[in-house]
Structure formats: C-alpha cells, structure tokens
Amino acid sequence: MIIFTALIFITMAKKVHETKDNAGFALGKENYKLMAIGFAIIVIGFILLSGGGSDDPNVFSEDIFNFRRLTLAPIVLLIGFAFEIYAIMKKPKDN
C-alpha cells in the first residue's frame, strides 16, 4: 500500500512539473505585438470618427456628414477589428 501511494505521488509530481513547463501566456509575443498594432488602428478610427459637433445647440452643423466621419473612419475601424482577429488567430511560432 505504501509503495502504491508513493507511485501515485511521483506520477502526480511529474504531471505538476509538466504543466508548469507548459504554463504561460496563451499567445506568443508576436501575437501581442500584432494586437497592440490593431488596437492602435482602432483608436485612430475612433479619433477620425469624433468631432463635427456644434457649439450652439440651435445651429445645425453639416460637418457630421463629411467623408472622414461617414466613410473613412468606419473603414479604418473595420480594418482594425479584422487585424485584431488575425492577431488572435495567428498561430504562434514554436521556440
């Protein structure tokens, strides 16, 4: 009985040691760099989307309908989100 218990303990210790070797971040270093780039693209898209308001609430401003806010900013946002998906799905390199 003591030998059996010792064998179980040794087996469990090996499994714990193996999981510590495999423990770490879910993605590779390159994935996190790509995610940071994608986040920056998204922030740029939201900055392009902002503005166009009027200081006087009684005056309507046509600036909200310009090319930058209506076309460019949404395209930049979609590119940023697509880049984020790519960064997450990219298989990390084995070192």
N, C-alpha and C. Protein backbone atom coordinates (compact mmCIF):
# COMPACT_ATOMS: atom_id res chain seq x y z
N MET A 1 0.82 -1.19 0.00
CA MET A 1 0.00 0.00 0.00
C MET A 1 0.87 1.25 0.00
N ILE A 2 1.95 1.25 0.73
CA ILE A 2 2.84 2.41 0.80
C ILE A 2 3.52 2.62 -0.54
N ILE A 3 3.91 1.54 -1.19
CA ILE A 3 4.57 1.64 -2.49
C ILE A 3 3.60 2.21 -3.53
N PHE A 4 2.36 1.74 -3.50
CA PHE A 4 1.35 2.22 -4.42
C PHE A 4 1.12 3.72 -4.22
N THR A 5 1.02 4.16 -2.98
CA THR A 5 0.84 5.58 -2.67
C THR A 5 2.03 6.40 -3.14
N ALA A 6 3.23 5.88 -2.96
CA ALA A 6 4.43 6.58 -3.41
C ALA A 6 4.45 6.71 -4.92
N LEU A 7 4.02 5.67 -5.64
CA LEU A 7 3.97 5.73 -7.09
C LEU A 7 2.96 6.77 -7.58
N ILE A 8 1.82 6.83 -6.92
CA ILE A 8 0.81 7.83 -7.27
C ILE A 8 1.36 9.24 -7.02
N PHE A 9 2.05 9.44 -5.91
CA PHE A 9 2.61 10.74 -5.58
C PHE A 9 3.67 11.16 -6.61
N ILE A 10 4.51 10.22 -7.03
CA ILE A 10 5.55 10.52 -8.02
C ILE A 10 4.91 10.86 -9.37
N THR A 11 3.88 10.13 -9.75
CA THR A 11 3.19 10.39 -11.01
C THR A 11 2.54 11.77 -10.99
N MET A 12 1.91 12.11 -9.87
CA MET A 12 1.28 13.42 -9.75
C MET A 12 2.33 14.53 -9.77
N ALA A 13 3.47 14.31 -9.16
CA ALA A 13 4.54 15.31 -9.15
C ALA A 13 5.06 15.55 -10.57
N LYS A 14 5.17 14.49 -11.36
CA LYS A 14 5.61 14.64 -12.75
C LYS A 14 4.60 15.45 -13.56
N LYS A 15 3.30 15.18 -13.35
CA LYS A 15 2.27 15.92 -14.07
C LYS A 15 2.28 17.40 -13.70
N VAL A 16 2.48 17.70 -12.42
CA VAL A 16 2.54 19.10 -11.99
C VAL A 16 3.75 19.77 -12.62
N HIS A 17 4.87 19.08 -12.68
CA HIS A 17 6.08 19.64 -13.28
C HIS A 17 5.87 19.89 -14.77
N GLU A 18 5.18 18.98 -15.47
CA GLU A 18 4.91 19.15 -16.90
C GLU A 18 4.00 20.33 -17.14
N THR A 19 2.99 20.52 -16.30
CA THR A 19 2.08 21.64 -16.51
C THR A 19 2.77 22.97 -16.22
N LYS A 20 3.72 22.99 -15.31
CA LYS A 20 4.45 24.22 -15.05
C LYS A 20 5.33 24.59 -16.24
N ASP A 21 5.87 23.60 -16.93
CA ASP A 21 6.67 23.88 -18.12
C ASP A 21 5.81 24.44 -19.25
N ASN A 22 4.58 23.97 -19.36
CA ASN A 22 3.69 24.40 -20.44
C ASN A 22 2.89 25.64 -20.06
N ALA A 23 2.91 26.04 -18.81
CA ALA A 23 2.13 27.19 -18.37
C ALA A 23 2.76 28.46 -18.93
N GLY A 24 1.95 29.45 -19.18
CA GLY A 24 2.45 30.72 -19.71
C GLY A 24 1.32 31.46 -20.38
N PHE A 25 1.69 32.35 -21.27
CA PHE A 25 0.70 33.12 -21.98
C PHE A 25 0.01 32.27 -23.04
N ALA A 26 -1.22 32.62 -23.33
CA ALA A 26 -1.98 31.85 -24.31
C ALA A 26 -1.47 32.09 -25.73
N LEU A 27 -0.94 33.27 -25.98
CA LEU A 27 -0.46 33.61 -27.31
C LEU A 27 1.02 33.93 -27.25
N GLY A 28 1.64 33.98 -28.40
CA GLY A 28 3.06 34.29 -28.48
C GLY A 28 3.33 35.79 -28.42
N LYS A 29 4.59 36.13 -28.33
CA LYS A 29 5.00 37.52 -28.23
C LYS A 29 4.60 38.31 -29.48
N GLU A 30 4.74 37.66 -30.64
CA GLU A 30 4.37 38.32 -31.89
C GLU A 30 2.88 38.62 -31.95
N ASN A 31 2.05 37.72 -31.40
CA ASN A 31 0.61 37.93 -31.38
C ASN A 31 0.25 39.17 -30.57
N TYR A 32 0.91 39.35 -29.43
CA TYR A 32 0.61 40.51 -28.59
C TYR A 32 1.07 41.80 -29.27
N LYS A 33 2.16 41.76 -30.00
CA LYS A 33 2.59 42.94 -30.75
C LYS A 33 1.57 43.28 -31.83
N LEU A 34 1.09 42.27 -32.54
CA LEU A 34 0.09 42.50 -33.58
C LEU A 34 -1.22 43.02 -32.98
N MET A 35 -1.57 42.53 -31.80
CA MET A 35 -2.78 43.01 -31.14
C MET A 35 -2.63 44.48 -30.73
N ALA A 36 -1.45 44.88 -30.30
CA ALA A 36 -1.21 46.28 -29.95
C ALA A 36 -1.33 47.17 -31.19
N ILE A 37 -0.82 46.69 -32.32
CA ILE A 37 -0.95 47.45 -33.57
C ILE A 37 -2.42 47.57 -33.96
N GLY A 38 -3.17 46.47 -33.85
CA GLY A 38 -4.60 46.50 -34.15
C GLY A 38 -5.36 47.44 -33.24
N PHE A 39 -4.99 47.47 -31.97
CA PHE A 39 -5.63 48.39 -31.02
C PHE A 39 -5.35 49.83 -31.41
N ALA A 40 -4.12 50.12 -31.84
CA ALA A 40 -3.77 51.47 -32.27
C ALA A 40 -4.58 51.88 -33.50
N ILE A 41 -4.78 50.94 -34.43
CA ILE A 41 -5.59 51.23 -35.62
C ILE A 41 -7.03 51.55 -35.22
N ILE A 42 -7.57 50.80 -34.26
CA ILE A 42 -8.93 51.05 -33.79
C ILE A 42 -9.04 52.42 -33.13
N VAL A 43 -8.05 52.78 -32.32
CA VAL A 43 -8.05 54.09 -31.66
C VAL A 43 -8.01 55.20 -32.71
N ILE A 44 -7.19 55.03 -33.75
CA ILE A 44 -7.14 56.02 -34.83
C ILE A 44 -8.50 56.13 -35.51
N GLY A 45 -9.17 55.00 -35.71
CA GLY A 45 -10.50 55.03 -36.31
C GLY A 45 -11.50 55.80 -35.47
N PHE A 46 -11.47 55.63 -34.16
CA PHE A 46 -12.39 56.37 -33.30
C PHE A 46 -12.03 57.85 -33.24
N ILE A 47 -10.75 58.17 -33.32
CA ILE A 47 -10.35 59.59 -33.36
C ILE A 47 -10.87 60.23 -34.65
N LEU A 48 -10.75 59.51 -35.77
CA LEU A 48 -11.29 60.03 -37.03
C LEU A 48 -12.81 60.19 -36.97
N LEU A 49 -13.47 59.38 -36.19
CA LEU A 49 -14.93 59.41 -36.09
C LEU A 49 -15.42 60.57 -35.22
N SER A 50 -14.57 61.06 -34.35
CA SER A 50 -15.01 62.09 -33.39
C SER A 50 -15.07 63.47 -34.03
N GLY A 51 -15.73 64.38 -33.34
CA GLY A 51 -15.81 65.78 -33.77
C GLY A 51 -17.04 66.05 -34.60
N GLY A 52 -17.10 67.26 -35.13
CA GLY A 52 -18.21 67.64 -36.00
C GLY A 52 -19.40 68.20 -35.28
N GLY A 53 -19.28 68.36 -33.99
CA GLY A 53 -20.39 68.90 -33.23
C GLY A 53 -20.46 70.41 -33.35
N SER A 54 -21.55 70.97 -32.91
CA SER A 54 -21.75 72.41 -32.97
C SER A 54 -21.69 72.97 -31.55
N ASP A 55 -21.13 74.15 -31.43
CA ASP A 55 -21.07 74.79 -30.11
C ASP A 55 -22.44 75.31 -29.69
N ASP A 56 -23.22 75.70 -30.62
CA ASP A 56 -24.56 76.23 -30.36
C ASP A 56 -25.59 75.15 -30.68
N PRO A 57 -26.40 74.72 -29.70
CA PRO A 57 -27.37 73.64 -29.98
C PRO A 57 -28.48 74.05 -30.94
N ASN A 58 -28.64 75.36 -31.19
CA ASN A 58 -29.68 75.82 -32.10
C ASN A 58 -29.22 75.85 -33.56
N VAL A 59 -27.93 75.63 -33.78
CA VAL A 59 -27.38 75.68 -35.13
C VAL A 59 -26.95 74.27 -35.54
N PHE A 60 -27.44 73.84 -36.70
CA PHE A 60 -27.09 72.51 -37.21
C PHE A 60 -25.80 72.60 -38.00
N SER A 61 -24.88 71.67 -37.75
CA SER A 61 -23.61 71.66 -38.44
C SER A 61 -23.58 70.53 -39.47
N GLU A 62 -23.23 70.85 -40.69
CA GLU A 62 -23.14 69.85 -41.76
C GLU A 62 -21.83 69.05 -41.67
N ASP A 63 -20.95 69.38 -40.74
CA ASP A 63 -19.66 68.71 -40.62
C ASP A 63 -19.78 67.23 -40.26
N ILE A 64 -20.92 66.83 -39.73
CA ILE A 64 -21.05 65.43 -39.35
C ILE A 64 -21.21 64.52 -40.56
N PHE A 65 -21.49 65.10 -41.72
CA PHE A 65 -21.71 64.30 -42.92
C PHE A 65 -20.53 64.32 -43.87
N ASN A 66 -19.34 64.64 -43.40
CA ASN A 66 -18.20 64.70 -44.32
C ASN A 66 -17.62 63.31 -44.55
N PHE A 67 -16.71 63.22 -45.52
CA PHE A 67 -16.12 61.93 -45.94
C PHE A 67 -15.39 61.24 -44.78
N ARG A 68 -14.69 61.99 -43.97
CA ARG A 68 -13.88 61.40 -42.90
C ARG A 68 -14.74 60.64 -41.90
N ARG A 69 -15.84 61.24 -41.48
CA ARG A 69 -16.68 60.61 -40.45
C ARG A 69 -17.62 59.55 -41.01
N LEU A 70 -18.05 59.75 -42.24
CA LEU A 70 -19.07 58.86 -42.80
C LEU A 70 -18.48 57.66 -43.52
N THR A 71 -17.26 57.78 -44.07
CA THR A 71 -16.69 56.70 -44.87
C THR A 71 -15.35 56.22 -44.34
N LEU A 72 -14.41 57.14 -44.17
CA LEU A 72 -13.04 56.77 -43.80
C LEU A 72 -12.95 56.12 -42.42
N ALA A 73 -13.56 56.74 -41.42
CA ALA A 73 -13.46 56.22 -40.05
C ALA A 73 -14.05 54.81 -39.91
N PRO A 74 -15.24 54.52 -40.45
CA PRO A 74 -15.74 53.14 -40.35
C PRO A 74 -14.86 52.12 -41.06
N ILE A 75 -14.27 52.51 -42.20
CA ILE A 75 -13.38 51.58 -42.91
C ILE A 75 -12.14 51.30 -42.07
N VAL A 76 -11.57 52.35 -41.46
CA VAL A 76 -10.39 52.17 -40.61
C VAL A 76 -10.74 51.29 -39.40
N LEU A 77 -11.91 51.49 -38.83
CA LEU A 77 -12.34 50.65 -37.70
C LEU A 77 -12.48 49.19 -38.11
N LEU A 78 -13.10 48.94 -39.26
CA LEU A 78 -13.24 47.55 -39.72
C LEU A 78 -11.89 46.91 -39.98
N ILE A 79 -10.97 47.67 -40.56
CA ILE A 79 -9.62 47.15 -40.78
C ILE A 79 -8.95 46.83 -39.44
N GLY A 80 -9.13 47.70 -38.46
CA GLY A 80 -8.55 47.45 -37.13
C GLY A 80 -9.11 46.21 -36.47
N PHE A 81 -10.42 46.03 -36.54
CA PHE A 81 -11.02 44.84 -35.94
C PHE A 81 -10.62 43.57 -36.69
N ALA A 82 -10.53 43.64 -38.00
CA ALA A 82 -10.07 42.48 -38.78
C ALA A 82 -8.62 42.15 -38.44
N PHE A 83 -7.80 43.17 -38.24
CA PHE A 83 -6.41 42.96 -37.86
C PHE A 83 -6.32 42.31 -36.48
N GLU A 84 -7.21 42.69 -35.57
CA GLU A 84 -7.25 42.07 -34.25
C GLU A 84 -7.60 40.59 -34.35
N ILE A 85 -8.55 40.26 -35.19
CA ILE A 85 -8.93 38.85 -35.38
C ILE A 85 -7.75 38.06 -35.93
N TYR A 86 -7.05 38.65 -36.90
CA TYR A 86 -5.86 38.00 -37.45
C TYR A 86 -4.80 37.80 -36.37
N ALA A 87 -4.60 38.83 -35.54
CA ALA A 87 -3.57 38.74 -34.49
C ALA A 87 -3.89 37.65 -33.48
N ILE A 88 -5.16 37.45 -33.19
CA ILE A 88 -5.55 36.42 -32.22
C ILE A 88 -5.45 35.04 -32.85
N MET A 89 -5.86 34.92 -34.12
CA MET A 89 -5.92 33.62 -34.76
C MET A 89 -4.56 33.13 -35.28
N LYS A 90 -3.59 34.03 -35.44
CA LYS A 90 -2.28 33.65 -35.98
C LYS A 90 -1.62 32.66 -35.04
N LYS A 91 -1.14 31.58 -35.60
CA LYS A 91 -0.50 30.55 -34.80
C LYS A 91 0.87 31.04 -34.33
N PRO A 92 1.13 31.00 -33.02
CA PRO A 92 2.44 31.46 -32.55
C PRO A 92 3.55 30.51 -32.97
N LYS A 93 4.70 31.09 -33.19
CA LYS A 93 5.86 30.26 -33.57
C LYS A 93 6.37 29.47 -32.38
N ASP A 94 6.80 28.26 -32.63
CA ASP A 94 7.38 27.42 -31.57
C ASP A 94 8.87 27.75 -31.43
N ASN A 95 9.27 28.04 -30.20
CA ASN A 95 10.68 28.36 -29.96
C ASN A 95 11.41 27.16 -29.41
